[in-house]
Every structure is written in structure tokens, then in C-alpha cells.
Protein backbone atom coordinates (compact mmCIF):
# COMPACT_ATOMS: atom_id res chain seq x y z
CA UNK A 1 98.09 88.44 109.62
CA UNK A 2 93.91 87.37 108.44
CA UNK A 3 92.45 91.53 108.47
CA UNK A 4 89.18 90.03 109.78
CA UNK A 5 91.27 90.23 113.44
CA UNK A 6 91.35 93.88 112.70
CA UNK A 7 87.07 94.33 112.88
CA UNK A 8 85.35 93.67 115.52
CA UNK A 9 84.44 91.86 117.54
CA UNK A 10 87.60 90.29 118.30
CA UNK A 11 87.33 87.00 120.06
CA UNK A 12 88.33 87.19 123.64
CA UNK A 13 91.10 85.55 125.81
CA UNK A 14 94.74 83.94 125.05
CA UNK A 15 95.86 84.38 121.02
CA UNK A 16 98.74 85.03 119.55
CA UNK A 17 97.97 88.02 117.59
CA UNK A 18 96.96 91.69 119.05
CA UNK A 19 96.15 94.76 117.26
CA UNK A 20 98.65 96.93 117.75
CA UNK A 21 97.02 99.78 118.60
CA UNK A 22 94.73 98.60 121.65
CA UNK A 23 97.41 97.71 123.65
CA UNK A 24 98.21 97.53 127.14
CA UNK A 25 101.95 95.99 128.69
CA UNK A 26 103.10 96.33 132.26
CA UNK A 27 106.41 98.23 132.50
CA UNK A 28 108.16 95.09 133.87
CA UNK A 29 107.29 93.14 130.80
CA UNK A 30 108.61 96.14 128.20
CA UNK A 31 112.12 96.37 131.07
CA UNK A 32 111.91 92.46 130.17
CA UNK A 33 111.93 93.36 126.34
CA UNK A 34 113.68 96.39 126.49
CA UNK A 35 116.20 94.31 123.48
CA UNK A 36 113.36 93.47 121.31
CA UNK A 37 111.37 96.74 122.06
CA UNK A 38 114.92 99.01 120.77
CA UNK A 39 115.35 96.80 117.08
CA UNK A 40 112.65 99.43 116.43
CA UNK A 41 110.02 96.81 115.16
CA UNK A 42 107.09 96.32 114.80
CA UNK A 43 104.85 94.97 117.94
CA UNK A 44 104.40 91.32 116.25
CA UNK A 45 107.86 90.96 116.85
CA UNK A 46 107.68 91.97 120.21
CA UNK A 47 105.01 89.99 120.81
CA UNK A 48 106.91 87.02 118.95
CA UNK A 49 109.54 87.68 121.68
CA UNK A 50 107.14 87.91 124.11
CA UNK A 51 105.13 84.28 123.29
CA UNK A 52 109.03 82.52 122.29
CA UNK A 53 109.92 83.49 126.14
CA UNK A 54 106.24 82.31 127.44
CA UNK A 55 104.20 85.57 127.61
CA UNK A 56 100.63 84.95 126.97
CA UNK A 57 99.29 87.00 124.75
CA UNK A 58 95.09 87.86 126.13
CA UNK A 59 93.09 89.52 123.89
CA UNK A 60 90.22 91.77 126.32
CA UNK A 61 87.67 92.75 123.54
CA UNK A 62 86.16 94.35 126.45
CA UNK A 63 88.87 97.27 127.07
CA UNK A 64 89.26 99.81 123.60
CA UNK A 65 91.56 103.05 122.92
CA UNK A 66 89.43 105.59 121.04
CA UNK A 67 91.48 107.56 118.54
CA UNK A 68 90.30 110.46 117.80
CA UNK A 69 92.98 112.46 115.49
CA UNK A 70 91.48 114.17 112.71
CA UNK A 71 92.80 112.61 109.63
CA UNK A 72 92.66 115.01 105.95
CA UNK A 73 92.46 113.65 103.34
CA UNK A 74 95.96 113.21 102.17
CA UNK A 75 97.36 112.55 105.65
CA UNK A 76 95.01 109.48 105.52
CA UNK A 77 96.87 108.56 102.52
CA UNK A 78 100.50 109.56 103.52
CA UNK A 79 100.05 107.38 106.89
CA UNK A 80 98.49 104.12 104.64
CA UNK A 81 102.16 104.53 102.14
CA UNK A 82 104.31 105.43 105.53
CA UNK A 83 103.39 101.87 107.06
CA UNK A 84 103.54 99.80 104.22
CA UNK A 85 107.07 101.40 102.89
CA UNK A 86 107.76 100.76 106.42
CA UNK A 87 106.14 97.43 106.96
CA UNK A 88 107.84 96.05 103.73
CA UNK A 89 111.25 97.17 104.24
CA UNK A 90 111.00 95.53 107.27
CA UNK A 91 109.83 92.59 106.39
CA UNK A 92 112.47 91.81 103.55
CA UNK A 93 115.64 93.54 105.21
CA UNK A 94 118.37 92.01 104.15
CA UNK A 95 116.42 89.91 101.53
CA UNK A 96 118.46 88.98 97.91
CA UNK A 97 117.42 91.58 94.75
CA UNK A 98 115.56 89.38 93.49
CA UNK A 99 113.32 88.39 95.96
CA UNK A 100 112.70 92.35 96.87
CA UNK A 101 111.95 92.20 92.70
CA UNK A 102 109.19 90.02 93.05
CA UNK A 103 107.44 90.90 96.18
CA UNK A 104 107.55 94.21 95.03
CA UNK A 105 106.06 93.26 91.48
CA UNK A 106 103.76 91.17 93.12
CA UNK A 107 102.40 93.89 95.83
CA UNK A 108 100.83 95.47 92.37
CA UNK A 109 98.06 93.14 92.74
CA UNK A 110 97.13 94.09 96.60
CA UNK A 111 95.13 97.02 95.40
CA UNK A 112 91.32 94.99 94.56
CA UNK A 113 92.75 92.21 97.36
CA UNK A 114 92.73 94.73 99.58
CA UNK A 115 90.06 96.33 98.13
CA UNK A 116 87.80 93.33 98.24
CA UNK A 117 89.14 91.69 101.49
CA UNK A 118 88.02 94.46 103.09
CA UNK A 119 84.49 94.13 101.54
CA UNK A 120 83.90 91.22 102.26
CA UNK A 121 84.83 90.96 106.23
CA UNK A 122 82.69 94.63 106.62
CA UNK A 123 79.37 92.75 105.08
CA UNK A 124 79.83 89.10 106.27
CA UNK A 125 80.47 91.57 109.36
CA UNK A 126 76.42 92.31 109.10
CA UNK A 127 77.70 95.67 110.03
CA UNK A 128 78.19 99.89 108.93
CA UNK A 129 76.88 98.71 105.45
CA UNK A 130 75.74 102.30 104.87
CA UNK A 131 79.52 103.50 106.25
CA UNK A 132 81.33 101.47 103.82
CA UNK A 133 78.74 102.02 100.23
CA UNK A 134 79.93 105.52 101.09
CA UNK A 135 83.62 104.52 101.31
CA UNK A 136 84.29 102.24 98.70
CA UNK A 137 86.02 105.11 96.33
CA UNK A 138 88.25 106.62 99.33
CA UNK A 139 89.09 102.47 100.30
CA UNK A 140 89.86 102.60 96.44
CA UNK A 141 92.40 105.01 96.92
CA UNK A 142 93.37 104.20 100.07
CA UNK A 143 95.12 100.74 99.51
CA UNK A 144 96.56 101.53 96.60
CA UNK A 145 98.31 103.97 98.40
CA UNK A 146 99.25 101.24 100.60
CA UNK A 147 100.23 99.29 97.43
CA UNK A 148 102.48 101.93 96.64
CA UNK A 149 104.30 101.95 100.05
CA UNK A 150 104.62 98.07 100.11
CA UNK A 151 105.79 98.44 96.41
CA UNK A 152 108.48 100.89 97.05
CA UNK A 153 109.67 99.09 100.90
CA UNK A 154 110.40 96.03 99.20
CA UNK A 155 112.83 97.44 95.73
CA UNK A 156 113.93 99.91 97.90
CA UNK A 157 113.94 99.65 101.70
CA UNK A 158 111.90 101.16 104.53
CA UNK A 159 114.15 104.11 104.59
CA UNK A 160 112.08 106.99 107.58
CA UNK A 161 109.36 106.11 106.51
CA UNK A 162 108.25 104.28 110.28
CA UNK A 163 109.14 108.03 112.01
CA UNK A 164 107.17 109.97 109.92
CA UNK A 165 104.40 107.87 111.10
CA UNK A 166 101.78 109.71 113.55
């Protein structure tokens, strides 16, 4: 997944990817893919199964869901960690220990990579620059939390992380 997809404006029309927190499904479609949903994996697994069955994913950037949950610093930090641990654990579930070890070690490179990618994307879009500058210290802490989650997920699995995500 390329991080550019997470930042507006999103391209309208048929796509291979949709932002997980901003999706609407028809009930019949979800019932059709109930077994995939019951696996408890991230939405990209559902979307892969849908596309394999010939279902088209359509991006409608004119329909936007708002998020009004207030996060404290600690809550947001813990949520980044939990998402990342869940993601990494699911990504390498059942993989050999050597592969998990290598991926976990490589995840130590994530903080500067995620930090600079995010800054580059926001600068490239030319919007919210004043917010970007003000958020740089927090961004640094949050990408470190994400990396710690991925490291733990690769090395020790996802554990119960996904069930703790709000």
C-alpha cells in the first residue's frame, strides 16, 4: 500500500484499494463474503477476495466519513502500536522464525522512512503545511510507536492487539 492513498484528494472511480475507515458495503455483499470476514483479518483480505470474485471496488471521494473521537496523546500512541502489531503479526502469521526475525530487524528502519514519507506527501499536496510543522515532534513519536508495534508483531505475533484497537 502506498501512503499517498491515505491523503486527500483521492482519485474517483474503480480502484484496487479503499481506505478501510471510509467504506460502505451492501449487506448482501458482506453476507456473500462472511467466511472471509470471520477470519478477523484486515479489510485488504476482504477486498482481495472480492476482487478475485469479480467485485469492483469503487472510490467515491465525494462521500466522506468523519471521525470525532478525541484521542489523548497516550491513547493515540497505544493505538498506533496496536494497529502495527496486529498488522505485522497477521502479515507473517505462520512464517518461519528466521523470516520473522529479519522483518522485525528491518522494522527498526521504519521511523525515519515513515516520517520522511509523510512529510514529503503533505508537502507535495501543498495543504495543511502549518499543521505539518506543528505536528513534527508528535509525528516522530508516533512513527516510533508504529515501528515498535511492527517489531513486536513480527517477532512475537499479533497477540490480542487487534481486539484492543478502538
